[in-house]
Amino acid sequence: MQRGKKYKAIAEKVEKNKLYSLEEALVLVKASKIAKFDESVEVHVKLAVDPKKGDQQVRGAVVLPHGIGKMAKVAVITSTKATEAKEAGADFVGAEDLIEKIKLGKMEEVDVIVASPEMMPKLATVAKILGPRGLMPSPKTETVTDKIKEAVEMLKKGKLSFKNDNTGNVHQVVGKISFDAKKLEENYASFLDAIQKARPAGVKGKYVTAISICSTMGPGVKVVL
């Protein structure tokens, strides 16, 4: 992959094998702004899990104290709680009509989908579309629930769901470069705490094996565990 001069100049300031304190890492990340837009700050966590084993899947949710700099777009699929969903501020509300839009590729872009339990058998028909995009509702991330109003309100406040990818890593945005360091530190701490709480019972020994932090366009900085 060809990198630009700005990226290379910033990458040279990061020692490849050095583990930085979170404070040092954030200084480097905040100084690595390349894009004209307000880049996100991402945390990438490598876990000692076997993603092929069902009992070692990492799934969880967290409400970051300072959000991530944008309000989530939420769709609710329900046949019983539509009024509740609309009152809570859901961006899109429907039942079979939304499922049909997903099938046809006509569903507008959303960050999260919440469903009431009675809709799950019907959502199974689009699981292969939603799953790879991380949008399939699940009880483990509290996106399948009868408490639609509460779920939507929490998502609008910044509640985020996370899960491991097929290499055993978890990736999460924890804010924007424009956030002050203290807000980023507190969001980071909340996310890492949620990762620990989501530790599968089947994982023995060391669980978190590496952490790096970066901006959307910048190089990764390894952080002390």
C-alpha atoms as a PDB file:
ATOM      1  CA  MET A   1       0.000   0.000   0.000  1.00  0.00           C
ATOM      2  CA  GLN A   2       1.431   3.352  -1.068  1.00  0.00           C
ATOM      3  CA  ARG A   3       1.618   5.910   1.761  1.00  0.00           C
ATOM      4  CA  GLY A   4       1.768   9.671   1.369  1.00  0.00           C
ATOM      5  CA  LYS A   5       4.579  11.944   2.602  1.00  0.00           C
ATOM      6  CA  LYS A   6       2.495  13.219   5.537  1.00  0.00           C
ATOM      7  CA  TYR A   7       1.781   9.680   6.757  1.00  0.00           C
ATOM      8  CA  LYS A   8       5.437   8.659   6.429  1.00  0.00           C
ATOM      9  CA  ALA A   9       6.597  11.750   8.347  1.00  0.00           C
ATOM     10  CA  ILE A  10       4.241  10.934  11.229  1.00  0.00           C
ATOM     11  CA  ALA A  11       5.006   7.192  11.178  1.00  0.00           C
ATOM     12  CA  GLU A  12       8.722   7.970  11.608  1.00  0.00           C
ATOM     13  CA  LYS A  13       7.921   9.516  15.011  1.00  0.00           C
ATOM     14  CA  VAL A  14       6.435   6.219  16.259  1.00  0.00           C
ATOM     15  CA  GLU A  15       8.950   3.595  17.379  1.00  0.00           C
ATOM     16  CA  LYS A  16       7.695   0.340  15.867  1.00  0.00           C
ATOM     17  CA  ASN A  17       8.312  -1.995  18.808  1.00  0.00           C
ATOM     18  CA  LYS A  18       7.975   0.468  21.677  1.00  0.00           C
ATOM     19  CA  LEU A  19       5.065   0.213  24.109  1.00  0.00           C
ATOM     20  CA  TYR A  20       3.823   3.695  24.988  1.00  0.00           C
ATOM     21  CA  SER A  21       1.814   4.786  27.998  1.00  0.00           C
ATOM     22  CA  LEU A  22      -1.743   5.766  27.094  1.00  0.00           C
ATOM     23  CA  GLU A  23      -0.873   9.438  27.699  1.00  0.00           C
ATOM     24  CA  GLU A  24       2.140   9.247  25.346  1.00  0.00           C
ATOM     25  CA  ALA A  25       0.145   7.327  22.740  1.00  0.00           C
ATOM     26  CA  LEU A  26      -2.634   9.910  22.707  1.00  0.00           C
ATOM     27  CA  VAL A  27      -0.111  12.736  22.229  1.00  0.00           C
ATOM     28  CA  LEU A  28       1.220  10.926  19.149  1.00  0.00           C
ATOM     29  CA  VAL A  29      -2.262  10.103  17.841  1.00  0.00           C
ATOM     30  CA  LYS A  30      -3.519  13.669  18.278  1.00  0.00           C
ATOM     31  CA  ALA A  31      -0.392  14.933  16.482  1.00  0.00           C
ATOM     32  CA  SER A  32      -0.988  12.518  13.592  1.00  0.00           C
ATOM     33  CA  LYS A  33      -3.896  14.391  12.044  1.00  0.00           C
ATOM     34  CA  ILE A  34      -3.610  14.165   8.254  1.00  0.00           C
ATOM     35  CA  ALA A  35      -7.143  14.554   6.961  1.00  0.00           C
ATOM     36  CA  LYS A  36      -9.118  17.779   6.771  1.00  0.00           C
ATOM     37  CA  PHE A  37     -12.033  16.147   8.607  1.00  0.00           C
ATOM     38  CA  ASP A  38     -12.128  15.417  12.353  1.00  0.00           C
ATOM     39  CA  GLU A  39     -10.598  11.935  12.372  1.00  0.00           C
ATOM     40  CA  SER A  40     -11.839   9.240  14.728  1.00  0.00           C
ATOM     41  CA  VAL A  41      -9.610   7.713  17.402  1.00  0.00           C
ATOM     42  CA  GLU A  42      -9.631   3.916  17.146  1.00  0.00           C
ATOM     43  CA  VAL A  43      -8.596   1.245  19.643  1.00  0.00           C
ATOM     44  CA  HIS A  44      -7.584  -2.196  18.374  1.00  0.00           C
ATOM     45  CA  VAL A  45      -7.390  -4.989  20.949  1.00  0.00           C
ATOM     46  CA  LYS A  46      -5.776  -8.369  20.229  1.00  0.00           C
ATOM     47  CA  LEU A  47      -7.281 -11.141  22.332  1.00  0.00           C
ATOM     48  CA  ALA A  48      -6.109 -14.678  23.098  1.00  0.00           C
ATOM     49  CA  VAL A  49      -9.374 -16.218  21.903  1.00  0.00           C
ATOM     50  CA  ASP A  50     -10.078 -18.860  19.300  1.00  0.00           C
ATOM     51  CA  PRO A  51     -12.741 -17.228  17.115  1.00  0.00           C
ATOM     52  CA  LYS A  52     -13.692 -20.638  15.695  1.00  0.00           C
ATOM     53  CA  LYS A  53     -14.919 -21.810  19.105  1.00  0.00           C
ATOM     54  CA  GLY A  54     -18.438 -20.833  20.085  1.00  0.00           C
ATOM     55  CA  ASP A  55     -17.557 -20.532  23.775  1.00  0.00           C
ATOM     56  CA  GLN A  56     -14.764 -18.039  23.043  1.00  0.00           C
ATOM     57  CA  GLN A  57     -16.776 -15.392  21.198  1.00  0.00           C
ATOM     58  CA  VAL A  58     -16.380 -11.920  22.668  1.00  0.00           C
ATOM     59  CA  ARG A  59     -19.514  -9.783  22.569  1.00  0.00           C
ATOM     60  CA  GLY A  60     -20.497  -6.862  24.701  1.00  0.00           C
ATOM     61  CA  ALA A  61     -21.772  -3.319  24.903  1.00  0.00           C
ATOM     62  CA  VAL A  62     -20.545  -0.119  26.515  1.00  0.00           C
ATOM     63  CA  VAL A  63     -21.780   3.421  27.009  1.00  0.00           C
ATOM     64  CA  LEU A  64     -18.731   5.647  26.587  1.00  0.00           C
ATOM     65  CA  PRO A  65     -18.897   8.576  29.032  1.00  0.00           C
ATOM     66  CA  HIS A  66     -18.195  11.133  26.296  1.00  0.00           C
ATOM     67  CA  GLY A  67     -19.671   9.385  23.251  1.00  0.00           C
ATOM     68  CA  ILE A  68     -17.811   9.128  19.954  1.00  0.00           C
ATOM     69  CA  GLY A  69     -18.594  12.510  18.466  1.00  0.00           C
ATOM     70  CA  LYS A  70     -21.700  11.580  16.547  1.00  0.00           C
ATOM     71  CA  MET A  71     -25.185  10.341  17.361  1.00  0.00           C
ATOM     72  CA  ALA A  72     -25.920   6.799  16.228  1.00  0.00           C
ATOM     73  CA  LYS A  73     -28.484   6.199  13.489  1.00  0.00           C
ATOM     74  CA  VAL A  74     -30.862   3.587  14.904  1.00  0.00           C
ATOM     75  CA  ALA A  75     -33.386   1.404  13.079  1.00  0.00           C
ATOM     76  CA  VAL A  76     -36.019  -0.505  15.045  1.00  0.00           C
ATOM     77  CA  ILE A  77     -37.736  -3.573  13.617  1.00  0.00           C
ATOM     78  CA  THR A  78     -40.889  -4.289  15.587  1.00  0.00           C
ATOM     79  CA  SER A  79     -44.548  -5.133  15.132  1.00  0.00           C
ATOM     80  CA  THR A  80     -45.534  -4.216  18.702  1.00  0.00           C
ATOM     81  CA  LYS A  81     -43.451  -1.230  19.847  1.00  0.00           C
ATOM     82  CA  ALA A  82     -43.437   1.188  16.916  1.00  0.00           C
ATOM     83  CA  THR A  83     -44.859   4.130  18.862  1.00  0.00           C
ATOM     84  CA  GLU A  84     -42.363   3.556  21.689  1.00  0.00           C
ATOM     85  CA  ALA A  85     -39.477   3.434  19.198  1.00  0.00           C
ATOM     86  CA  LYS A  86     -40.520   6.686  17.512  1.00  0.00           C
ATOM     87  CA  GLU A  87     -40.936   8.478  20.853  1.00  0.00           C
ATOM     88  CA  ALA A  88     -37.431   7.347  21.894  1.00  0.00           C
ATOM     89  CA  GLY A  89     -35.922   8.928  18.775  1.00  0.00           C
ATOM     90  CA  ALA A  90     -35.340   5.967  16.452  1.00  0.00           C
ATOM     91  CA  ASP A  91     -34.379   7.101  12.948  1.00  0.00           C
ATOM     92  CA  PHE A  92     -36.243   4.306  11.145  1.00  0.00           C
ATOM     93  CA  VAL A  93     -39.108   2.177  12.452  1.00  0.00           C
ATOM     94  CA  GLY A  94     -40.869  -0.675  10.706  1.00  0.00           C
ATOM     95  CA  ALA A  95     -41.487  -4.416  10.604  1.00  0.00           C
ATOM     96  CA  GLU A  96     -41.654  -6.634   7.499  1.00  0.00           C
ATOM     97  CA  ASP A  97     -41.301  -3.522   5.331  1.00  0.00           C
ATOM     98  CA  LEU A  98     -37.810  -2.806   6.731  1.00  0.00           C
ATOM     99  CA  ILE A  99     -36.799  -6.448   6.369  1.00  0.00           C
ATOM    100  CA  GLU A 100     -37.861  -6.290   2.716  1.00  0.00           C
ATOM    101  CA  LYS A 101     -35.759  -3.145   2.215  1.00  0.00           C
ATOM    102  CA  ILE A 102     -32.748  -4.969   3.678  1.00  0.00           C
ATOM    103  CA  LYS A 103     -33.309  -7.888   1.275  1.00  0.00           C
ATOM    104  CA  LEU A 104     -33.478  -5.514  -1.692  1.00  0.00           C
ATOM    105  CA  GLY A 105     -30.479  -3.445  -0.562  1.00  0.00           C
ATOM    106  CA  LYS A 106     -32.670  -0.380  -0.167  1.00  0.00           C
ATOM    107  CA  MET A 107     -32.275   0.083   3.589  1.00  0.00           C
ATOM    108  CA  GLU A 108     -30.650   3.420   4.438  1.00  0.00           C
ATOM    109  CA  GLU A 109     -27.287   3.323   6.232  1.00  0.00           C
ATOM    110  CA  VAL A 110     -27.638   2.810   9.985  1.00  0.00           C
ATOM    111  CA  ASP A 111     -25.207   2.228  12.841  1.00  0.00           C
ATOM    112  CA  VAL A 112     -27.332  -0.259  14.773  1.00  0.00           C
ATOM    113  CA  ILE A 113     -30.546  -2.262  14.409  1.00  0.00           C
ATOM    114  CA  VAL A 114     -32.754  -3.058  17.391  1.00  0.00           C
ATOM    115  CA  ALA A 115     -35.495  -5.687  17.190  1.00  0.00           C
ATOM    116  CA  SER A 116     -38.296  -6.830  19.441  1.00  0.00           C
ATOM    117  CA  PRO A 117     -38.241 -10.625  20.044  1.00  0.00           C
ATOM    118  CA  GLU A 118     -41.245 -11.513  17.870  1.00  0.00           C
ATOM    119  CA  MET A 119     -39.377 -10.249  14.778  1.00  0.00           C
ATOM    120  CA  MET A 120     -36.290 -12.449  15.158  1.00  0.00           C
ATOM    121  CA  PRO A 121     -37.604 -15.462  13.165  1.00  0.00           C
ATOM    122  CA  LYS A 122     -38.313 -13.108  10.244  1.00  0.00           C
ATOM    123  CA  LEU A 123     -34.913 -11.406  10.600  1.00  0.00           C
ATOM    124  CA  ALA A 124     -33.248 -14.809  10.165  1.00  0.00           C
ATOM    125  CA  THR A 125     -33.900 -14.420   6.423  1.00  0.00           C
ATOM    126  CA  VAL A 126     -31.493 -11.453   6.271  1.00  0.00           C
ATOM    127  CA  ALA A 127     -28.910 -12.700   8.797  1.00  0.00           C
ATOM    128  CA  LYS A 128     -26.347 -13.292   6.023  1.00  0.00           C
ATOM    129  CA  ILE A 129     -26.704  -9.665   4.954  1.00  0.00           C
ATOM    130  CA  LEU A 130     -26.641  -8.093   8.420  1.00  0.00           C
ATOM    131  CA  GLY A 131     -24.136 -10.430  10.089  1.00  0.00           C
ATOM    132  CA  PRO A 132     -21.019  -9.459   8.092  1.00  0.00           C
ATOM    133  CA  ARG A 133     -21.868  -5.781   8.629  1.00  0.00           C
ATOM    134  CA  GLY A 134     -22.161  -6.230  12.396  1.00  0.00           C
ATOM    135  CA  LEU A 135     -25.826  -5.204  12.305  1.00  0.00           C
ATOM    136  CA  MET A 136     -27.622  -8.444  13.232  1.00  0.00           C
ATOM    137  CA  PRO A 137     -29.578  -7.859  16.467  1.00  0.00           C
ATOM    138  CA  SER A 138     -28.526 -10.102  19.346  1.00  0.00           C
ATOM    139  CA  PRO A 139     -29.616 -10.596  22.978  1.00  0.00           C
ATOM    140  CA  LYS A 140     -25.905 -10.530  23.944  1.00  0.00           C
ATOM    141  CA  THR A 141     -25.591  -6.922  22.817  1.00  0.00           C
ATOM    142  CA  GLU A 142     -29.062  -6.071  24.164  1.00  0.00           C
ATOM    143  CA  THR A 143     -30.303  -5.210  20.677  1.00  0.00           C
ATOM    144  CA  VAL A 144     -33.036  -7.848  20.902  1.00  0.00           C
ATOM    145  CA  THR A 145     -35.320  -6.621  23.654  1.00  0.00           C
ATOM    146  CA  ASP A 146     -38.851  -5.811  24.767  1.00  0.00           C
ATOM    147  CA  LYS A 147     -37.480  -2.612  26.310  1.00  0.00           C
ATOM    148  CA  ILE A 148     -37.330  -0.754  23.012  1.00  0.00           C
ATOM    149  CA  LYS A 149     -37.578   2.753  24.467  1.00  0.00           C
ATOM    150  CA  GLU A 150     -34.733   2.155  26.918  1.00  0.00           C
ATOM    151  CA  ALA A 151     -32.551   0.500  24.245  1.00  0.00           C
ATOM    152  CA  VAL A 152     -32.971   3.344  21.744  1.00  0.00           C
ATOM    153  CA  GLU A 153     -32.361   6.030  24.360  1.00  0.00           C
ATOM    154  CA  MET A 154     -29.127   4.332  25.493  1.00  0.00           C
ATOM    155  CA  LEU A 155     -27.920   3.995  21.893  1.00  0.00           C
ATOM    156  CA  LYS A 156     -28.617   7.663  21.287  1.00  0.00           C
ATOM    157  CA  LYS A 157     -26.548   8.461  24.391  1.00  0.00           C
ATOM    158  CA  GLY A 158     -23.617   6.594  22.865  1.00  0.00           C
ATOM    159  CA  LYS A 159     -24.060   2.924  23.729  1.00  0.00           C
ATOM    160  CA  LEU A 160     -21.868   0.814  21.433  1.00  0.00           C
ATOM    161  CA  SER A 161     -21.811  -2.905  20.722  1.00  0.00           C
ATOM    162  CA  PHE A 162     -18.589  -4.751  19.982  1.00  0.00           C
ATOM    163  CA  LYS A 163     -17.511  -8.261  19.050  1.00  0.00           C
ATOM    164  CA  ASN A 164     -14.354 -10.029  17.972  1.00  0.00           C
ATOM    165  CA  ASP A 165     -13.571 -10.415  14.288  1.00  0.00           C
ATOM    166  CA  ASN A 166     -12.460 -13.685  12.689  1.00  0.00           C
ATOM    167  CA  THR A 167      -8.851 -13.100  13.801  1.00  0.00           C
ATOM    168  CA  GLY A 168      -9.744 -12.639  17.482  1.00  0.00           C
ATOM    169  CA  ASN A 169      -9.370  -8.854  17.479  1.00  0.00           C
ATOM    170  CA  VAL A 170     -11.850  -6.205  18.611  1.00  0.00           C
ATOM    171  CA  HIS A 171     -11.909  -2.756  17.013  1.00  0.00           C
ATOM    172  CA  GLN A 172     -13.670   0.261  18.467  1.00  0.00           C
ATOM    173  CA  VAL A 173     -13.874   4.009  17.897  1.00  0.00           C
ATOM    174  CA  VAL A 174     -13.506   5.850  21.238  1.00  0.00           C
ATOM    175  CA  GLY A 175     -13.857   9.467  20.124  1.00  0.00           C
ATOM    176  CA  LYS A 176     -12.475  12.117  17.816  1.00  0.00           C
ATOM    177  CA  ILE A 177      -9.021  13.719  17.543  1.00  0.00           C
ATOM    178  CA  SER A 178     -10.674  16.995  18.579  1.00  0.00           C
ATOM    179  CA  PHE A 179     -11.615  15.500  22.000  1.00  0.00           C
ATOM    180  CA  ASP A 180      -9.311  16.568  24.816  1.00  0.00           C
ATOM    181  CA  ALA A 181      -6.972  13.880  26.153  1.00  0.00           C
ATOM    182  CA  LYS A 182      -8.926  13.368  29.394  1.00  0.00           C
ATOM    183  CA  LYS A 183     -12.143  12.522  27.535  1.00  0.00           C
ATOM    184  CA  LEU A 184     -10.291  10.063  25.306  1.00  0.00           C
ATOM    185  CA  GLU A 185      -8.613   8.471  28.342  1.00  0.00           C
ATOM    186  CA  GLU A 186     -11.961   8.030  30.105  1.00  0.00           C
ATOM    187  CA  ASN A 187     -13.619   6.573  26.995  1.00  0.00           C
ATOM    188  CA  TYR A 188     -10.641   4.227  26.523  1.00  0.00           C
ATOM    189  CA  ALA A 189     -10.856   3.068  30.163  1.00  0.00           C
ATOM    190  CA  SER A 190     -14.597   2.381  29.852  1.00  0.00           C
ATOM    191  CA  PHE A 191     -14.067   0.360  26.674  1.00  0.00           C
ATOM    192  CA  LEU A 192     -11.220  -1.707  28.153  1.00  0.00           C
ATOM    193  CA  ASP A 193     -13.322  -2.380  31.263  1.00  0.00           C
ATOM    194  CA  ALA A 194     -16.156  -3.645  29.026  1.00  0.00           C
ATOM    195  CA  ILE A 195     -13.692  -5.885  27.145  1.00  0.00           C
ATOM    196  CA  GLN A 196     -12.598  -7.450  30.447  1.00  0.00           C
ATOM    197  CA  LYS A 197     -16.211  -7.986  31.541  1.00  0.00           C
ATOM    198  CA  ALA A 198     -16.928  -9.711  28.214  1.00  0.00           C
ATOM    199  CA  ARG A 199     -14.135 -12.269  28.776  1.00  0.00           C
ATOM    200  CA  PRO A 200     -15.450 -15.708  27.743  1.00  0.00           C
ATOM    201  CA  ALA A 201     -15.349 -18.396  30.433  1.00  0.00           C
ATOM    202  CA  GLY A 202     -13.554 -20.694  27.977  1.00  0.00           C
ATOM    203  CA  VAL A 203     -10.460 -18.464  27.796  1.00  0.00           C
ATOM    204  CA  LYS A 204      -7.647 -19.483  30.147  1.00  0.00           C
ATOM    205  CA  GLY A 205      -4.491 -17.531  30.972  1.00  0.00           C
ATOM    206  CA  LYS A 206      -3.700 -14.167  29.415  1.00  0.00           C
ATOM    207  CA  TYR A 207      -6.739 -12.643  27.690  1.00  0.00           C
ATOM    208  CA  VAL A 208      -5.661  -9.252  26.276  1.00  0.00           C
ATOM    209  CA  THR A 209      -2.354  -9.715  24.474  1.00  0.00           C
ATOM    210  CA  ALA A 210      -1.843  -6.383  22.668  1.00  0.00           C
ATOM    211  CA  ILE A 211      -3.468  -2.969  22.275  1.00  0.00           C
ATOM    212  CA  SER A 212      -2.822  -0.283  19.711  1.00  0.00           C
ATOM    213  CA  ILE A 213      -4.430   3.092  19.174  1.00  0.00           C
ATOM    214  CA  CYS A 214      -4.550   5.235  16.043  1.00  0.00           C
ATOM    215  CA  SER A 215      -6.441   7.949  14.206  1.00  0.00           C
ATOM    216  CA  THR A 216      -8.497   7.142  11.105  1.00  0.00           C
ATOM    217  CA  MET A 217      -5.631   8.032   8.766  1.00  0.00           C
ATOM    218  CA  GLY A 218      -2.644   7.700  11.085  1.00  0.00           C
ATOM    219  CA  PRO A 219      -0.215   4.935  12.105  1.00  0.00           C
ATOM    220  CA  GLY A 220      -0.884   2.571  15.000  1.00  0.00           C
ATOM    221  CA  VAL A 221       0.750   3.224  18.369  1.00  0.00           C
ATOM    222  CA  LYS A 222       1.245   0.248  20.701  1.00  0.00           C
ATOM    223  CA  VAL A 223       0.002   0.828  24.255  1.00  0.00           C
ATOM    224  CA  VAL A 224       1.263  -0.706  27.493  1.00  0.00           C
ATOM    225  CA  LEU A 225      -1.203  -3.304  28.783  1.00  0.00           C
END
